[in-house]
PDB file of N, CA and C in Angstrom:
ATOM      1  N   VAL A   1     105.525  86.985  99.724  1.00  0.00           N
ATOM      2  CA  VAL A   1     104.743  85.896 100.228  1.00  0.00           C
ATOM      3  C   VAL A   1     103.462  85.889  99.479  1.00  0.00           C
ATOM      4  N   VAL A   2     103.154  84.779  98.830  1.00  0.00           N
ATOM      5  CA  VAL A   2     101.873  84.706  98.059  1.00  0.00           C
ATOM      6  C   VAL A   2     101.050  83.586  98.716  1.00  0.00           C
ATOM      7  N   LEU A   3      99.920  83.903  99.144  1.00  0.00           N
ATOM      8  CA  LEU A   3      99.005  82.855  99.731  1.00  0.00           C
ATOM      9  C   LEU A   3      98.017  82.510  98.669  1.00  0.00           C
ATOM     10  N   ASP A   4      97.788  81.201  98.481  1.00  0.00           N
ATOM     11  CA  ASP A   4      96.884  80.687  97.445  1.00  0.00           C
ATOM     12  C   ASP A   4      95.402  80.892  97.790  1.00  0.00           C
ATOM     13  N   THR A   5      94.702  81.661  96.950  1.00  0.00           N
ATOM     14  CA  THR A   5      93.278  81.826  97.293  1.00  0.00           C
ATOM     15  C   THR A   5      92.589  80.505  97.268  1.00  0.00           C
ATOM     16  N   GLY A   6      91.754  80.293  98.353  1.00  0.00           N
ATOM     17  CA  GLY A   6      90.967  79.121  98.461  1.00  0.00           C
ATOM     18  C   GLY A   6      91.790  77.868  99.036  1.00  0.00           C
ATOM     19  N   ALA A   7      93.091  78.147  99.410  1.00  0.00           N
ATOM     20  CA  ALA A   7      93.871  77.084  99.900  1.00  0.00           C
ATOM     21  C   ALA A   7      93.662  76.949 101.432  1.00  0.00           C
ATOM     22  N   PRO A   8      93.839  75.710 101.913  1.00  0.00           N
ATOM     23  CA  PRO A   8      93.526  75.476 103.379  1.00  0.00           C
ATOM     24  C   PRO A   8      94.565  76.084 104.311  1.00  0.00           C
ATOM     25  N   ALA A   9      94.128  76.503 105.483  1.00  0.00           N
ATOM     26  CA  ALA A   9      95.075  77.017 106.464  1.00  0.00           C
ATOM     27  C   ALA A   9      94.598  76.411 107.819  1.00  0.00           C
ATOM     28  N   VAL A  10      95.457  76.179 108.735  1.00  0.00           N
ATOM     29  CA  VAL A  10      95.079  75.808 110.117  1.00  0.00           C
ATOM     30  C   VAL A  10      95.589  76.790 111.015  1.00  0.00           C
ATOM     31  N   TRP A  11      94.728  77.382 111.889  1.00  0.00           N
ATOM     32  CA  TRP A  11      95.115  78.499 112.719  1.00  0.00           C
ATOM     33  C   TRP A  11      95.113  78.086 114.172  1.00  0.00           C
ATOM     34  N   PHE A  12      96.146  78.507 114.908  1.00  0.00           N
ATOM     35  CA  PHE A  12      96.258  78.200 116.293  1.00  0.00           C
ATOM     36  C   PHE A  12      96.346  79.552 117.120  1.00  0.00           C
ATOM     37  N   THR A  13      95.498  79.598 118.137  1.00  0.00           N
ATOM     38  CA  THR A  13      95.376  80.764 118.975  1.00  0.00           C
ATOM     39  C   THR A  13      95.742  80.318 120.421  1.00  0.00           C
ATOM     40  N   PHE A  14      96.610  81.038 121.032  1.00  0.00           N
ATOM     41  CA  PHE A  14      97.088  80.649 122.392  1.00  0.00           C
ATOM     42  C   PHE A  14      96.711  81.684 123.430  1.00  0.00           C
ATOM     43  N   PRO A  15      95.832  81.305 124.313  1.00  0.00           N
ATOM     44  CA  PRO A  15      95.426  82.302 125.330  1.00  0.00           C
ATOM     45  C   PRO A  15      96.585  82.839 126.111  1.00  0.00           C
ATOM     46  N   GLY A  16      96.656  84.157 126.266  1.00  0.00           N
ATOM     47  CA  GLY A  16      97.720  84.805 127.018  1.00  0.00           C
ATOM     48  C   GLY A  16      98.989  85.198 126.099  1.00  0.00           C
ATOM     49  N   ALA A  17      99.080  84.635 124.940  1.00  0.00           N
ATOM     50  CA  ALA A  17     100.272  84.836 124.073  1.00  0.00           C
ATOM     51  C   ALA A  17     100.063  86.133 123.234  1.00  0.00           C
ATOM     52  N   TRP A  18     101.207  86.751 122.846  1.00  0.00           N
ATOM     53  CA  TRP A  18     101.106  87.938 122.042  1.00  0.00           C
ATOM     54  C   TRP A  18     101.271  87.605 120.568  1.00  0.00           C
ATOM     55  N   HIS A  19     100.872  86.453 120.169  1.00  0.00           N
ATOM     56  CA  HIS A  19     100.886  85.985 118.768  1.00  0.00           C
ATOM     57  C   HIS A  19      99.902  84.924 118.543  1.00  0.00           C
ATOM     58  N   ASP A  20      99.533  84.619 117.259  1.00  0.00           N
ATOM     59  CA  ASP A  20      98.875  83.412 116.828  1.00  0.00           C
ATOM     60  C   ASP A  20      99.594  82.885 115.624  1.00  0.00           C
ATOM     61  N   ILE A  21      99.359  81.634 115.298  1.00  0.00           N
ATOM     62  CA  ILE A  21     100.098  81.077 114.181  1.00  0.00           C
ATOM     63  C   ILE A  21      99.193  80.284 113.282  1.00  0.00           C
ATOM     64  N   GLY A  22      99.503  80.402 111.923  1.00  0.00           N
ATOM     65  CA  GLY A  22      98.767  79.722 110.965  1.00  0.00           C
ATOM     66  C   GLY A  22      99.673  78.857 110.094  1.00  0.00           C
ATOM     67  N   ARG A  23      99.209  77.690 109.743  1.00  0.00           N
ATOM     68  CA  ARG A  23      99.979  76.834 108.790  1.00  0.00           C
ATOM     69  C   ARG A  23      99.295  76.999 107.445  1.00  0.00           C
ATOM     70  N   PHE A  24     100.076  77.312 106.442  1.00  0.00           N
ATOM     71  CA  PHE A  24      99.503  77.581 105.155  1.00  0.00           C
ATOM     72  C   PHE A  24      99.883  76.504 104.151  1.00  0.00           C
ATOM     73  N   HIS A  25      98.985  76.295 103.227  1.00  0.00           N
ATOM     74  CA  HIS A  25      99.164  75.199 102.256  1.00  0.00           C
ATOM     75  C   HIS A  25      98.778  75.723 100.826  1.00  0.00           C
ATOM     76  N   THR A  26      99.144  74.923  99.802  1.00  0.00           N
ATOM     77  CA  THR A  26      98.588  75.223  98.443  1.00  0.00           C
ATOM     78  C   THR A  26      97.254  74.569  98.387  1.00  0.00           C
ATOM     79  N   ARG A  27      96.490  74.854  97.327  1.00  0.00           N
ATOM     80  CA  ARG A  27      95.212  74.273  97.165  1.00  0.00           C
ATOM     81  C   ARG A  27      95.273  72.700  97.103  1.00  0.00           C
ATOM     82  N   SER A  28      96.384  72.185  96.707  1.00  0.00           N
ATOM     83  CA  SER A  28      96.550  70.748  96.643  1.00  0.00           C
ATOM     84  C   SER A  28      96.923  70.124  97.971  1.00  0.00           C
ATOM     85  N   GLY A  29      97.200  71.013  99.030  1.00  0.00           N
ATOM     86  CA  GLY A  29      97.425  70.529 100.339  1.00  0.00           C
ATOM     87  C   GLY A  29      98.890  70.556 100.755  1.00  0.00           C
ATOM     88  N   THR A  30      99.823  70.948  99.894  1.00  0.00           N
ATOM     89  CA  THR A  30     101.262  71.008 100.139  1.00  0.00           C
ATOM     90  C   THR A  30     101.479  72.135 101.155  1.00  0.00           C
ATOM     91  N   TYR A  31     102.205  71.865 102.193  1.00  0.00           N
ATOM     92  CA  TYR A  31     102.607  72.854 103.251  1.00  0.00           C
ATOM     93  C   TYR A  31     103.509  73.864 102.637  1.00  0.00           C
ATOM     94  N   THR A  32     103.326  75.151 102.884  1.00  0.00           N
ATOM     95  CA  THR A  32     104.233  76.206 102.323  1.00  0.00           C
ATOM     96  C   THR A  32     104.862  76.962 103.322  1.00  0.00           C
ATOM     97  N   GLY A  33     104.341  77.033 104.569  1.00  0.00           N
ATOM     98  CA  GLY A  33     105.010  77.795 105.601  1.00  0.00           C
ATOM     99  C   GLY A  33     104.111  78.215 106.747  1.00  0.00           C
ATOM    100  N   ALA A  34     104.659  78.959 107.696  1.00  0.00           N
ATOM    101  CA  ALA A  34     103.902  79.353 108.889  1.00  0.00           C
ATOM    102  C   ALA A  34     103.871  80.840 108.923  1.00  0.00           C
ATOM    103  N   TYR A  35     102.687  81.322 109.327  1.00  0.00           N
ATOM    104  CA  TYR A  35     102.398  82.767 109.372  1.00  0.00           C
ATOM    105  C   TYR A  35     102.062  83.166 110.806  1.00  0.00           C
ATOM    106  N   ALA A  36     102.701  84.097 111.402  1.00  0.00           N
ATOM    107  CA  ALA A  36     102.452  84.525 112.793  1.00  0.00           C
ATOM    108  C   ALA A  36     101.904  85.990 112.754  1.00  0.00           C
ATOM    109  N   ASN A  37     100.861  86.210 113.389  1.00  0.00           N
ATOM    110  CA  ASN A  37     100.414  87.635 113.674  1.00  0.00           C
ATOM    111  C   ASN A  37     100.841  87.971 115.054  1.00  0.00           C
ATOM    112  N   ILE A  38     101.387  89.228 115.222  1.00  0.00           N
ATOM    113  CA  ILE A  38     101.743  89.745 116.524  1.00  0.00           C
ATOM    114  C   ILE A  38     100.493  90.622 116.827  1.00  0.00           C
ATOM    115  N   LEU A  39      99.958  90.240 117.993  1.00  0.00           N
ATOM    116  CA  LEU A  39      98.724  90.854 118.477  1.00  0.00           C
ATOM    117  C   LEU A  39      98.631  90.892 120.001  1.00  0.00           C
ATOM    118  N   THR A  40      97.663  91.575 120.530  1.00  0.00           N
ATOM    119  CA  THR A  40      97.413  91.564 122.013  1.00  0.00           C
ATOM    120  C   THR A  40      96.862  90.238 122.349  1.00  0.00           C
ATOM    121  N   PRO A  41      97.120  89.856 123.589  1.00  0.00           N
ATOM    122  CA  PRO A  41      96.613  88.454 123.998  1.00  0.00           C
ATOM    123  C   PRO A  41      95.116  88.409 123.770  1.00  0.00           C
ATOM    124  N   VAL A  42      94.650  87.321 123.313  1.00  0.00           N
ATOM    125  CA  VAL A  42      93.215  87.045 123.011  1.00  0.00           C
ATOM    126  C   VAL A  42      92.436  87.042 124.362  1.00  0.00           C
ATOM    127  N   GLN A  43      91.326  87.709 124.309  1.00  0.00           N
ATOM    128  CA  GLN A  43      90.436  87.689 125.442  1.00  0.00           C
ATOM    129  C   GLN A  43      89.117  87.020 125.036  1.00  0.00           C
ATOM    130  N   PHE A  44      88.797  85.969 125.797  1.00  0.00           N
ATOM    131  CA  PHE A  44      87.563  85.244 125.433  1.00  0.00           C
ATOM    132  C   PHE A  44      86.387  85.856 126.201  1.00  0.00           C
ATOM    133  N   LEU A  45      85.395  86.382 125.449  1.00  0.00           N
ATOM    134  CA  LEU A  45      84.288  87.037 126.030  1.00  0.00           C
ATOM    135  C   LEU A  45      83.226  86.030 126.456  1.00  0.00           C
ATOM    136  N   ASP A  46      83.130  84.947 125.713  1.00  0.00           N
ATOM    137  CA  ASP A  46      82.270  83.875 126.110  1.00  0.00           C
ATOM    138  C   ASP A  46      82.789  82.650 125.306  1.00  0.00           C
ATOM    139  N   GLU A  47      82.079  81.498 125.325  1.00  0.00           N
ATOM    140  CA  GLU A  47      82.637  80.323 124.714  1.00  0.00           C
ATOM    141  C   GLU A  47      82.733  80.347 123.175  1.00  0.00           C
ATOM    142  N   ARG A  48      82.041  81.391 122.586  1.00  0.00           N
ATOM    143  CA  ARG A  48      82.061  81.485 121.135  1.00  0.00           C
ATOM    144  C   ARG A  48      82.608  82.847 120.608  1.00  0.00           C
ATOM    145  N   THR A  49      82.976  83.729 121.511  1.00  0.00           N
ATOM    146  CA  THR A  49      83.390  85.035 121.056  1.00  0.00           C
ATOM    147  C   THR A  49      84.738  85.406 121.747  1.00  0.00           C
ATOM    148  N   TRP A  50      85.666  85.914 120.897  1.00  0.00           N
ATOM    149  CA  TRP A  50      86.897  86.416 121.445  1.00  0.00           C
ATOM    150  C   TRP A  50      87.293  87.705 120.717  1.00  0.00           C
ATOM    151  N   GLU A  51      88.198  88.424 121.403  1.00  0.00           N
ATOM    152  CA  GLU A  51      88.627  89.743 120.746  1.00  0.00           C
ATOM    153  C   GLU A  51      90.173  89.847 121.022  1.00  0.00           C
ATOM    154  N   THR A  52      90.768  90.614 120.069  1.00  0.00           N
ATOM    155  CA  THR A  52      92.178  90.912 120.180  1.00  0.00           C
ATOM    156  C   THR A  52      92.434  92.168 119.306  1.00  0.00           C
ATOM    157  N   THR A  53      93.578  92.658 119.408  1.00  0.00           N
ATOM    158  CA  THR A  53      94.024  93.848 118.523  1.00  0.00           C
ATOM    159  C   THR A  53      95.222  93.410 117.769  1.00  0.00           C
ATOM    160  N   ASP A  54      95.114  93.496 116.496  1.00  0.00           N
ATOM    161  CA  ASP A  54      96.295  93.216 115.553  1.00  0.00           C
ATOM    162  C   ASP A  54      97.233  94.344 115.661  1.00  0.00           C
ATOM    163  N   LEU A  55      98.503  94.053 115.925  1.00  0.00           N
ATOM    164  CA  LEU A  55      99.555  95.069 116.094  1.00  0.00           C
ATOM    165  C   LEU A  55     100.261  95.373 114.825  1.00  0.00           C
ATOM    166  N   PHE A  56      99.783  94.840 113.693  1.00  0.00           N
ATOM    167  CA  PHE A  56     100.285  95.129 112.369  1.00  0.00           C
ATOM    168  C   PHE A  56     101.790  94.796 112.189  1.00  0.00           C
ATOM    169  N   LEU A  57     102.226  93.773 112.733  1.00  0.00           N
ATOM    170  CA  LEU A  57     103.499  93.183 112.347  1.00  0.00           C
ATOM    171  C   LEU A  57     103.310  91.711 112.252  1.00  0.00           C
ATOM    172  N   ASP A  58     103.521  91.156 111.092  1.00  0.00           N
ATOM    173  CA  ASP A  58     103.267  89.749 110.807  1.00  0.00           C
ATOM    174  C   ASP A  58     104.609  89.151 110.281  1.00  0.00           C
ATOM    175  N   VAL A  59     104.788  87.914 110.551  1.00  0.00           N
ATOM    176  CA  VAL A  59     106.002  87.148 110.223  1.00  0.00           C
ATOM    177  C   VAL A  59     105.556  85.933 109.445  1.00  0.00           C
ATOM    178  N   PHE A  60     106.274  85.707 108.247  1.00  0.00           N
ATOM    179  CA  PHE A  60     106.032  84.465 107.530  1.00  0.00           C
ATOM    180  C   PHE A  60     107.407  83.668 107.447  1.00  0.00           C
ATOM    181  N   VAL A  61     107.356  82.380 107.797  1.00  0.00           N
ATOM    182  CA  VAL A  61     108.574  81.543 107.742  1.00  0.00           C
ATOM    183  C   VAL A  61     108.318  80.501 106.683  1.00  0.00           C
ATOM    184  N   GLY A  62     109.065  80.559 105.546  1.00  0.00           N
ATOM    185  CA  GLY A  62     108.883  79.561 104.465  1.00  0.00           C
ATOM    186  C   GLY A  62     109.506  78.265 104.765  1.00  0.00           C
ATOM    187  N   LEU A  63     109.351  77.331 103.855  1.00  0.00           N
ATOM    188  CA  LEU A  63     109.867  76.021 103.981  1.00  0.00           C
ATOM    189  C   LEU A  63     111.399  75.940 104.202  1.00  0.00           C
ATOM    190  N   ASP A  64     112.067  76.880 103.585  1.00  0.00           N
ATOM    191  CA  ASP A  64     113.532  76.848 103.654  1.00  0.00           C
ATOM    192  C   ASP A  64     114.065  77.648 104.840  1.00  0.00           C
ATOM    193  N   GLY A  65     113.049  78.142 105.682  1.00  0.00           N
ATOM    194  CA  GLY A  65     113.480  78.796 106.925  1.00  0.00           C
ATOM    195  C   GLY A  65     113.631  80.294 106.832  1.00  0.00           C
ATOM    196  N   THR A  66     113.417  80.775 105.536  1.00  0.00           N
ATOM    197  CA  THR A  66     113.610  82.233 105.323  1.00  0.00           C
ATOM    198  C   THR A  66     112.430  83.000 106.073  1.00  0.00           C
ATOM    199  N   VAL A  67     112.802  84.029 106.824  1.00  0.00           N
ATOM    200  CA  VAL A  67     111.865  84.768 107.586  1.00  0.00           C
ATOM    201  C   VAL A  67     111.534  86.101 106.804  1.00  0.00           C
ATOM    202  N   HIS A  68     110.252  86.339 106.712  1.00  0.00           N
ATOM    203  CA  HIS A  68     109.763  87.542 105.962  1.00  0.00           C
ATOM    204  C   HIS A  68     108.968  88.404 106.947  1.00  0.00           C
ATOM    205  N   LEU A  69     109.360  89.577 107.260  1.00  0.00           N
ATOM    206  CA  LEU A  69     108.599  90.528 108.099  1.00  0.00           C
ATOM    207  C   LEU A  69     107.628  91.213 107.187  1.00  0.00           C
ATOM    208  N   LEU A  70     106.354  91.196 107.584  1.00  0.00           N
ATOM    209  CA  LEU A  70     105.287  91.806 106.787  1.00  0.00           C
ATOM    210  C   LEU A  70     104.586  92.918 107.602  1.00  0.00           C
ATOM    211  N   ASP A  71     104.005  93.848 106.893  1.00  0.00           N
ATOM    212  CA  ASP A  71     103.290  94.904 107.528  1.00  0.00           C
ATOM    213  C   ASP A  71     104.013  95.810 108.381  1.00  0.00           C
ATOM    214  N   GLU A  72     105.376  95.957 108.223  1.00  0.00           N
ATOM    215  CA  GLU A  72     106.179  96.771 109.038  1.00  0.00           C
ATOM    216  C   GLU A  72     105.781  98.208 108.905  1.00  0.00           C
TER     217      GLU A  72
END
């Protein structure tokens, strides 16, 4: 999985979930796939600060549906 340096990404964090998800694109804006971090549920300390622990297992799903396990 190659992520394009400087390319846009949109990140979604879900309170109470054991994952978050990012949509990745090329620098020209073409969607390339989804990236999920497996982590402890996010805890919001105040309206601008949150914390979580990355559990070092990530998943990337490409446009063709191929699943890549990362950081195993």
